[in-house]
Amino acid sequence: MTNRHFSAKLTDIQSFKVGDDVSKRDKIMLAAIDAFKEKGIEKTTISDIVKTAGVAQGTFYLYFPSKLSVMPAIAEHLIAQMVPAIEKELTQHADVLDQADALVEFIFAFTRQYRDVLALTYSGLAATEHLKEWEDIYEPIYKWVASFLEKAKQDKRVRANLNCQYAAKFIIGLLESSAEQMYLFTETDTEEVLIQKREVKQFLLYALGIETP
């Protein structure tokens, strides 16, 4: 697999900017990201968020009961952006070997580009009861990866006894954890990232039973 490499393209991912063409709920969610990044989660107030969003404080409470309750909305926004972008990236490649490579590249690129938002989301969710919502938030991406694996299984490109639903969760967990080790809280040099991706790809191929030429 060392001769295969695909650079993930994130041009289809919407930027985290407050604009006039988004709903009030999304304006609040996007404004919260800016406020959290500027002041930190603890020091940010709801007044800070609504000022950035350009809405009344009462409007905030129509959508969110507290500032930390915005965190699941941020996570949902990330996943909603991620799923169609992954699908577009992987459908450019016909063979499951190339698709597996592209999936790894995409998750690493996504994590690097949105590491500040991801770090905020994890910190915010961990501090609240909303952490238990994480699996529900991730369900769309689990479902898509499971569907991808089912097709590969039907085509006899992965091992016959693969449990696609469980494998989908394992794969996303593995890829995100590996990418976060490189990007989330520190900037790792390029050589270490390349080694990490290579090892993750090899591990993924062995786990899925994908044969390499």
Protein backbone atom coordinates (compact mmCIF):
# COMPACT_ATOMS: atom_id res chain seq x y z
CA MET A 1 0.00 0.00 0.00
CA THR A 2 3.02 2.27 0.15
CA ASN A 3 2.60 3.20 -3.51
CA ARG A 4 -0.89 4.58 -2.93
CA HIS A 5 -1.53 8.04 -1.57
CA PHE A 6 -4.54 10.29 -1.88
CA SER A 7 -4.75 13.80 -0.50
CA ALA A 8 -8.15 14.44 1.06
CA LYS A 9 -9.96 17.49 -0.29
CA LEU A 10 -11.97 19.46 2.23
CA THR A 11 -13.37 22.07 -0.13
CA ASP A 12 -16.89 20.74 0.44
CA ILE A 13 -16.69 21.34 4.19
CA GLN A 14 -18.35 24.60 5.13
CA SER A 15 -16.22 26.99 7.15
CA PHE A 16 -17.22 27.83 10.71
CA LYS A 17 -18.28 31.41 10.06
CA VAL A 18 -21.32 33.37 11.14
CA GLY A 19 -23.25 34.62 8.12
CA ASP A 20 -26.65 35.93 7.14
CA ASP A 21 -27.64 32.77 5.28
CA VAL A 22 -27.75 30.45 8.30
CA SER A 23 -30.52 29.81 10.82
CA LYS A 24 -30.58 31.53 14.20
CA ARG A 25 -29.73 28.22 15.88
CA ASP A 26 -26.67 27.80 13.68
CA LYS A 27 -25.67 31.44 14.19
CA ILE A 28 -25.68 30.83 17.93
CA MET A 29 -23.73 27.60 17.54
CA LEU A 30 -21.10 29.18 15.29
CA ALA A 31 -20.84 32.26 17.50
CA ALA A 32 -20.30 29.99 20.51
CA ILE A 33 -17.30 28.43 18.77
CA ASP A 34 -15.73 31.86 18.25
CA ALA A 35 -16.44 32.91 21.83
CA PHE A 36 -15.11 29.67 23.31
CA LYS A 37 -11.94 29.94 21.22
CA GLU A 38 -11.38 33.56 22.26
CA LYS A 39 -12.16 33.38 25.99
CA GLY A 40 -12.19 29.70 26.84
CA ILE A 41 -15.24 27.68 27.80
CA GLU A 42 -15.33 28.65 31.48
CA LYS A 43 -14.99 32.42 30.95
CA THR A 44 -17.41 32.64 28.04
CA THR A 45 -20.87 33.90 28.95
CA ILE A 46 -24.13 33.60 27.09
CA SER A 47 -23.97 37.38 26.63
CA ASP A 48 -20.69 36.92 24.75
CA ILE A 49 -22.28 34.34 22.48
CA VAL A 50 -25.43 36.28 21.61
CA LYS A 51 -23.43 39.46 21.00
CA THR A 52 -21.31 37.64 18.41
CA ALA A 53 -24.37 35.94 16.92
CA GLY A 54 -26.33 39.19 16.72
CA VAL A 55 -29.41 37.77 18.45
CA ALA A 56 -31.27 38.55 21.66
CA GLN A 57 -30.45 36.60 24.81
CA GLY A 58 -34.00 35.29 24.89
CA THR A 59 -33.45 33.82 21.44
CA PHE A 60 -30.52 31.81 22.79
CA TYR A 61 -32.78 30.08 25.32
CA LEU A 62 -35.25 29.12 22.63
CA TYR A 63 -32.62 26.71 21.32
CA PHE A 64 -30.24 25.97 24.20
CA PRO A 65 -30.83 25.83 27.98
CA SER A 66 -27.17 26.62 28.81
CA LYS A 67 -23.91 27.52 27.12
CA LEU A 68 -22.57 23.96 27.42
CA SER A 69 -25.70 22.55 25.79
CA VAL A 70 -24.38 24.10 22.55
CA MET A 71 -21.63 21.46 22.46
CA PRO A 72 -23.74 18.63 20.97
CA ALA A 73 -24.88 21.03 18.23
CA ILE A 74 -21.24 21.75 17.36
CA ALA A 75 -20.49 18.03 17.21
CA GLU A 76 -23.57 17.40 15.06
CA HIS A 77 -22.46 20.15 12.68
CA LEU A 78 -19.05 18.51 12.32
CA ILE A 79 -20.55 15.11 11.55
CA ALA A 80 -23.13 16.56 9.15
CA GLN A 81 -20.26 18.13 7.22
CA MET A 82 -18.07 15.05 7.40
CA VAL A 83 -20.37 12.33 6.05
CA PRO A 84 -21.08 13.71 2.54
CA ALA A 85 -17.47 14.81 2.17
CA ILE A 86 -16.18 11.31 3.02
CA GLU A 87 -18.69 9.79 0.61
CA LYS A 88 -17.57 12.09 -2.20
CA GLU A 89 -13.90 11.38 -1.49
CA LEU A 90 -14.24 7.58 -1.38
CA THR A 91 -16.49 7.27 -4.43
CA GLN A 92 -13.65 8.69 -6.52
CA HIS A 93 -11.87 5.35 -6.04
CA ALA A 94 -13.20 2.04 -7.33
CA ASP A 95 -11.12 -0.42 -5.32
CA VAL A 96 -11.58 -0.98 -1.58
CA LEU A 97 -7.81 -0.81 -1.07
CA ASP A 98 -7.71 2.71 -2.48
CA GLN A 99 -10.88 3.63 -0.59
CA ALA A 100 -9.37 2.53 2.72
CA ASP A 101 -6.32 4.68 1.97
CA ALA A 102 -8.53 7.65 1.10
CA LEU A 103 -10.55 7.24 4.31
CA VAL A 104 -7.41 7.42 6.45
CA GLU A 105 -6.17 10.46 4.56
CA PHE A 106 -9.53 12.20 4.94
CA ILE A 107 -9.82 11.68 8.70
CA PHE A 108 -6.28 12.94 9.26
CA ALA A 109 -6.86 16.00 7.05
CA PHE A 110 -10.21 16.74 8.70
CA THR A 111 -8.74 16.46 12.20
CA ARG A 112 -5.88 18.79 11.33
CA GLN A 113 -8.11 21.41 9.72
CA TYR A 114 -10.68 21.45 12.54
CA ARG A 115 -8.48 20.55 15.50
CA ASP A 116 -9.40 23.70 17.43
CA VAL A 117 -13.13 23.02 17.08
CA LEU A 118 -12.67 19.34 17.93
CA ALA A 119 -10.67 20.19 21.05
CA LEU A 120 -13.40 22.58 22.19
CA THR A 121 -16.11 20.02 21.56
CA TYR A 122 -14.37 17.24 23.47
CA SER A 123 -13.62 19.52 26.41
CA GLY A 124 -17.17 20.84 26.52
CA LEU A 125 -18.86 17.47 26.21
CA ALA A 126 -16.60 15.89 28.82
CA ALA A 127 -17.62 18.56 31.32
CA THR A 128 -21.34 17.90 30.95
CA GLU A 129 -23.94 15.16 30.87
CA HIS A 130 -23.99 15.55 27.09
CA LEU A 131 -21.02 13.19 26.68
CA LYS A 132 -23.48 10.29 26.65
CA GLU A 133 -24.95 11.74 23.44
CA TRP A 134 -21.68 11.17 21.58
CA GLU A 135 -22.62 7.77 20.14
CA ASP A 136 -25.95 9.12 18.88
CA ILE A 137 -24.21 12.09 17.28
CA TYR A 138 -21.78 9.77 15.51
CA GLU A 139 -24.47 7.36 14.30
CA PRO A 140 -24.64 8.83 10.75
CA ILE A 141 -20.94 8.25 10.12
CA TYR A 142 -21.03 4.79 11.72
CA LYS A 143 -23.95 3.92 9.46
CA TRP A 144 -22.19 5.15 6.34
CA VAL A 145 -18.95 3.27 7.07
CA ALA A 146 -20.93 0.11 7.90
CA SER A 147 -22.70 0.38 4.54
CA PHE A 148 -19.36 0.82 2.80
CA LEU A 149 -18.03 -2.30 4.53
CA GLU A 150 -21.16 -4.30 3.66
CA LYS A 151 -20.61 -3.60 -0.02
CA ALA A 152 -16.95 -4.59 0.24
CA LYS A 153 -18.03 -7.77 2.01
CA GLN A 154 -20.50 -8.61 -0.76
CA ASP A 155 -17.71 -8.05 -3.27
CA LYS A 156 -15.51 -10.42 -1.23
CA ARG A 157 -12.89 -7.72 -0.70
CA VAL A 158 -12.92 -7.98 3.11
CA ARG A 159 -13.05 -11.05 5.35
CA ALA A 160 -16.31 -13.00 5.22
CA ASN A 161 -16.91 -13.03 8.98
CA LEU A 162 -16.58 -9.25 9.39
CA ASN A 163 -19.27 -7.68 11.59
CA CYS A 164 -19.68 -4.44 9.67
CA GLN A 165 -21.63 -2.54 12.33
CA TYR A 166 -19.03 -3.14 15.03
CA ALA A 167 -16.13 -2.74 12.61
CA ALA A 168 -17.42 0.69 11.56
CA LYS A 169 -17.19 1.94 15.15
CA PHE A 170 -13.76 0.40 15.62
CA ILE A 171 -12.47 2.01 12.42
CA ILE A 172 -13.72 5.51 13.19
CA GLY A 173 -12.42 5.25 16.74
CA LEU A 174 -9.02 4.07 15.52
CA LEU A 175 -8.67 6.73 12.83
CA GLU A 176 -9.82 9.63 14.98
CA SER A 177 -7.67 8.61 17.93
CA SER A 178 -4.62 8.21 15.68
CA ALA A 179 -5.18 11.58 14.01
CA GLU A 180 -5.82 13.33 17.31
CA GLN A 181 -2.52 12.02 18.68
CA MET A 182 -0.83 13.92 15.87
CA TYR A 183 -2.85 17.13 15.71
CA LEU A 184 -5.29 17.81 18.51
CA PHE A 185 -3.10 19.18 21.26
CA THR A 186 0.26 19.48 19.56
CA GLU A 187 1.70 20.01 16.09
CA THR A 188 3.62 16.88 15.11
CA ASP A 189 6.27 17.00 12.43
CA THR A 190 5.48 15.68 8.96
CA GLU A 191 7.64 12.56 9.22
CA GLU A 192 5.85 11.34 12.35
CA VAL A 193 2.48 11.93 10.73
CA LEU A 194 3.49 9.89 7.68
CA ILE A 195 4.67 7.03 9.88
CA GLN A 196 1.46 7.15 11.92
CA LYS A 197 -0.72 7.05 8.81
CA ARG A 198 1.28 4.23 7.27
CA GLU A 199 0.96 2.07 10.38
CA VAL A 200 -2.75 2.84 10.73
CA LYS A 201 -3.35 1.88 7.10
CA GLN A 202 -1.49 -1.41 7.49
CA PHE A 203 -3.38 -2.20 10.70
CA LEU A 204 -6.68 -1.44 8.98
CA LEU A 205 -5.90 -3.73 6.05
CA TYR A 206 -4.97 -6.63 8.30
CA ALA A 207 -8.04 -6.14 10.50
CA LEU A 208 -10.40 -6.09 7.53
CA GLY A 209 -8.65 -8.90 5.70
CA ILE A 210 -7.95 -6.79 2.62
CA GLU A 211 -5.28 -8.37 0.46
CA THR A 212 -2.65 -6.10 -1.07
CA PRO A 213 -1.13 -6.75 -4.50
